[in-house]
Structures are given as structure tokens and as C-alpha cells.
Amino acid sequence: MNYTDEQIAVIGDSIIQALKTVYDPEIPVDIYELGLIYDVQISEEGEVKVVMTLTTPNCPVAESLPAEVREKVSAVEGVKDVDLELTFEPAWNKDMMSEEAKFELGILF
């Protein structure tokens, strides 16, 4: 079964909500607002590709955080399969954070 553009948009919104429940254990902000999610692509068949990074390549949750992301995205209704790509290009920096995240962490006044 192929999804319509509207259904893909709903799945995309649900994926973003799921990603907002995943937190970097060292920073009290979700990974979506932190800017760790570089891209989310959804095919008409419900196959999802997530491109993400970590705050540093030697992040202590380098194993568990991508697994948690894959698990949360897989649980979204309509998602058939998740391909998760971990990248460090471009390297993450605080400018990638949302205004909300910067405010939360006291970087934005």
C-alpha cells in the first residue's frame, strides 16, 4: 500500500513528536530541539530514513541513543521500516539548536 502525501505528512508529524521524547542524557533538551536530527525521509511505502548525529563522536550514548531513536520511530503508526544513518558531517554545534533549546539551556537571553 502506498501512502498519500497527506498520510506521509501525518506520519512525519508523528515521527517528530516521537523524536521529541528522546533526550540526550547530558543535556535536558530533546534531540530534535538540540538539532541532532539532520533529516527524516518517508517513502510512499512507509519506509523511513533518519539521518542523525551526536553531540560528540565519543558521546557516552553512541550505542544506545541511535537504538532508542530507531525504536521510537519504528513504533510510529504507518512506519514499516527504519534506516538510521549516524553521521558526523557536518559536526554538530550549538548553532544547530532550536531557539527553544537555546533558551532552555540559558544560551539565548
C-alpha atoms as a PDB file:
ATOM      1  CA  MET A   1       0.000   0.000   0.000  1.00  0.00           C
ATOM      2  CA  ASN A   2       1.288   3.432  -0.901  1.00  0.00           C
ATOM      3  CA  TYR A   3       0.628   6.437   1.298  1.00  0.00           C
ATOM      4  CA  THR A   4      -0.675   9.751   0.010  1.00  0.00           C
ATOM      5  CA  ASP A   5       1.228  12.977   0.590  1.00  0.00           C
ATOM      6  CA  GLU A   6      -1.230  13.836   3.376  1.00  0.00           C
ATOM      7  CA  GLN A   7      -0.654  10.492   5.106  1.00  0.00           C
ATOM      8  CA  ILE A   8       3.115  10.930   4.795  1.00  0.00           C
ATOM      9  CA  ALA A   9       2.787  14.400   6.376  1.00  0.00           C
ATOM     10  CA  VAL A  10       0.850  12.898   9.316  1.00  0.00           C
ATOM     11  CA  ILE A  11       3.461  10.152   9.736  1.00  0.00           C
ATOM     12  CA  GLY A  12       6.183  12.830   9.602  1.00  0.00           C
ATOM     13  CA  ASP A  13       4.498  14.858  12.335  1.00  0.00           C
ATOM     14  CA  SER A  14       4.158  11.717  14.453  1.00  0.00           C
ATOM     15  CA  ILE A  15       7.837  10.906  13.937  1.00  0.00           C
ATOM     16  CA  ILE A  16       8.814  14.410  15.087  1.00  0.00           C
ATOM     17  CA  GLN A  17       6.653  14.001  18.197  1.00  0.00           C
ATOM     18  CA  ALA A  18       8.327  10.633  18.869  1.00  0.00           C
ATOM     19  CA  LEU A  19      11.793  12.164  18.422  1.00  0.00           C
ATOM     20  CA  LYS A  20      10.878  14.869  20.929  1.00  0.00           C
ATOM     21  CA  THR A  21      10.580  12.143  23.586  1.00  0.00           C
ATOM     22  CA  VAL A  22      14.263  11.182  23.185  1.00  0.00           C
ATOM     23  CA  TYR A  23      16.716  13.119  25.337  1.00  0.00           C
ATOM     24  CA  ASP A  24      20.467  13.414  25.389  1.00  0.00           C
ATOM     25  CA  PRO A  25      21.255  12.260  28.957  1.00  0.00           C
ATOM     26  CA  GLU A  26      23.774  15.051  29.493  1.00  0.00           C
ATOM     27  CA  ILE A  27      21.564  17.903  28.252  1.00  0.00           C
ATOM     28  CA  PRO A  28      17.956  18.364  29.455  1.00  0.00           C
ATOM     29  CA  VAL A  29      16.633  19.030  25.935  1.00  0.00           C
ATOM     30  CA  ASP A  30      15.204  16.563  23.416  1.00  0.00           C
ATOM     31  CA  ILE A  31      17.351  15.519  20.465  1.00  0.00           C
ATOM     32  CA  TYR A  32      15.046  17.161  17.909  1.00  0.00           C
ATOM     33  CA  GLU A  33      15.331  20.601  19.532  1.00  0.00           C
ATOM     34  CA  LEU A  34      19.067  20.033  20.022  1.00  0.00           C
ATOM     35  CA  GLY A  35      19.421  19.728  16.257  1.00  0.00           C
ATOM     36  CA  LEU A  36      20.758  16.170  16.333  1.00  0.00           C
ATOM     37  CA  ILE A  37      18.250  15.067  13.679  1.00  0.00           C
ATOM     38  CA  TYR A  38      19.555  16.198  10.294  1.00  0.00           C
ATOM     39  CA  ASP A  39      16.927  14.626   8.052  1.00  0.00           C
ATOM     40  CA  VAL A  40      13.837  12.404   8.057  1.00  0.00           C
ATOM     41  CA  GLN A  41      12.666  10.937   4.765  1.00  0.00           C
ATOM     42  CA  ILE A  42       9.488   8.889   4.387  1.00  0.00           C
ATOM     43  CA  SER A  43       8.774   6.806   1.314  1.00  0.00           C
ATOM     44  CA  GLU A  44       5.291   6.126  -0.062  1.00  0.00           C
ATOM     45  CA  GLU A  45       5.646   2.610   1.361  1.00  0.00           C
ATOM     46  CA  GLY A  46       6.259   3.858   4.904  1.00  0.00           C
ATOM     47  CA  GLU A  47       9.992   3.249   4.913  1.00  0.00           C
ATOM     48  CA  VAL A  48      11.764   5.907   6.951  1.00  0.00           C
ATOM     49  CA  LYS A  49      15.347   7.095   6.754  1.00  0.00           C
ATOM     50  CA  VAL A  50      16.636   9.130   9.688  1.00  0.00           C
ATOM     51  CA  VAL A  51      19.976  10.923   9.442  1.00  0.00           C
ATOM     52  CA  MET A  52      21.241  11.980  12.847  1.00  0.00           C
ATOM     53  CA  THR A  53      24.369  12.897  14.720  1.00  0.00           C
ATOM     54  CA  LEU A  54      25.559  13.010  18.308  1.00  0.00           C
ATOM     55  CA  THR A  55      26.883  15.999  20.229  1.00  0.00           C
ATOM     56  CA  THR A  56      30.373  14.442  20.015  1.00  0.00           C
ATOM     57  CA  PRO A  57      31.738  11.346  18.241  1.00  0.00           C
ATOM     58  CA  ASN A  58      32.766   9.831  21.600  1.00  0.00           C
ATOM     59  CA  CYS A  59      29.379  10.519  23.170  1.00  0.00           C
ATOM     60  CA  PRO A  60      28.705   8.036  26.004  1.00  0.00           C
ATOM     61  CA  VAL A  61      25.339   7.129  24.451  1.00  0.00           C
ATOM     62  CA  ALA A  62      26.742   6.478  20.961  1.00  0.00           C
ATOM     63  CA  GLU A  63      25.300   2.956  21.077  1.00  0.00           C
ATOM     64  CA  SER A  64      22.069   3.454  22.998  1.00  0.00           C
ATOM     65  CA  LEU A  65      20.791   6.772  21.600  1.00  0.00           C
ATOM     66  CA  PRO A  66      20.545   5.651  17.927  1.00  0.00           C
ATOM     67  CA  ALA A  67      18.893   2.420  19.101  1.00  0.00           C
ATOM     68  CA  GLU A  68      16.337   4.436  21.089  1.00  0.00           C
ATOM     69  CA  VAL A  69      15.658   6.656  18.062  1.00  0.00           C
ATOM     70  CA  ARG A  70      15.145   3.610  15.842  1.00  0.00           C
ATOM     71  CA  GLU A  71      12.806   2.069  18.430  1.00  0.00           C
ATOM     72  CA  LYS A  72      10.702   5.249  18.864  1.00  0.00           C
ATOM     73  CA  VAL A  73      10.405   5.872  15.112  1.00  0.00           C
ATOM     74  CA  SER A  74       9.553   2.206  14.461  1.00  0.00           C
ATOM     75  CA  ALA A  75       6.674   2.486  16.935  1.00  0.00           C
ATOM     76  CA  VAL A  76       5.010   5.291  14.946  1.00  0.00           C
ATOM     77  CA  GLU A  77       1.854   4.124  13.199  1.00  0.00           C
ATOM     78  CA  GLY A  78       2.429   3.722   9.475  1.00  0.00           C
ATOM     79  CA  VAL A  79       6.187   3.201   9.709  1.00  0.00           C
ATOM     80  CA  LYS A  80       7.179  -0.085   8.074  1.00  0.00           C
ATOM     81  CA  ASP A  81      10.960   0.062   8.361  1.00  0.00           C
ATOM     82  CA  VAL A  82      13.603   2.425   9.748  1.00  0.00           C
ATOM     83  CA  ASP A  83      17.025   3.012   8.257  1.00  0.00           C
ATOM     84  CA  LEU A  84      19.088   5.052  10.690  1.00  0.00           C
ATOM     85  CA  GLU A  85      22.256   6.724   9.473  1.00  0.00           C
ATOM     86  CA  LEU A  86      24.637   8.140  12.048  1.00  0.00           C
ATOM     87  CA  THR A  87      26.874  10.870  10.660  1.00  0.00           C
ATOM     88  CA  PHE A  88      29.349  13.404  11.959  1.00  0.00           C
ATOM     89  CA  GLU A  89      29.356  15.534   8.804  1.00  0.00           C
ATOM     90  CA  PRO A  90      28.653  18.295   9.425  1.00  0.00           C
ATOM     91  CA  ALA A  91      29.778  18.163  13.024  1.00  0.00           C
ATOM     92  CA  TRP A  92      27.106  19.227  15.498  1.00  0.00           C
ATOM     93  CA  ASN A  93      27.426  22.614  17.155  1.00  0.00           C
ATOM     94  CA  LYS A  94      25.223  24.709  19.407  1.00  0.00           C
ATOM     95  CA  ASP A  95      24.047  26.846  16.473  1.00  0.00           C
ATOM     96  CA  MET A  96      22.028  23.827  15.296  1.00  0.00           C
ATOM     97  CA  MET A  97      19.840  24.014  18.392  1.00  0.00           C
ATOM     98  CA  SER A  98      16.352  25.497  18.157  1.00  0.00           C
ATOM     99  CA  GLU A  99      15.628  28.847  19.809  1.00  0.00           C
ATOM    100  CA  GLU A 100      13.611  26.884  22.391  1.00  0.00           C
ATOM    101  CA  ALA A 101      16.596  24.675  23.247  1.00  0.00           C
ATOM    102  CA  LYS A 102      18.940  27.653  23.499  1.00  0.00           C
ATOM    103  CA  PHE A 103      16.515  29.420  25.822  1.00  0.00           C
ATOM    104  CA  GLU A 104      16.082  26.270  27.933  1.00  0.00           C
ATOM    105  CA  LEU A 105      19.838  25.990  28.375  1.00  0.00           C
ATOM    106  CA  GLY A 106      20.313  29.693  29.052  1.00  0.00           C
ATOM    107  CA  ILE A 107      22.243  30.320  25.832  1.00  0.00           C
ATOM    108  CA  LEU A 108      19.587  32.703  24.494  1.00  0.00           C
ATOM    109  CA  PHE A 109      18.600  35.691  26.598  1.00  0.00           C
END
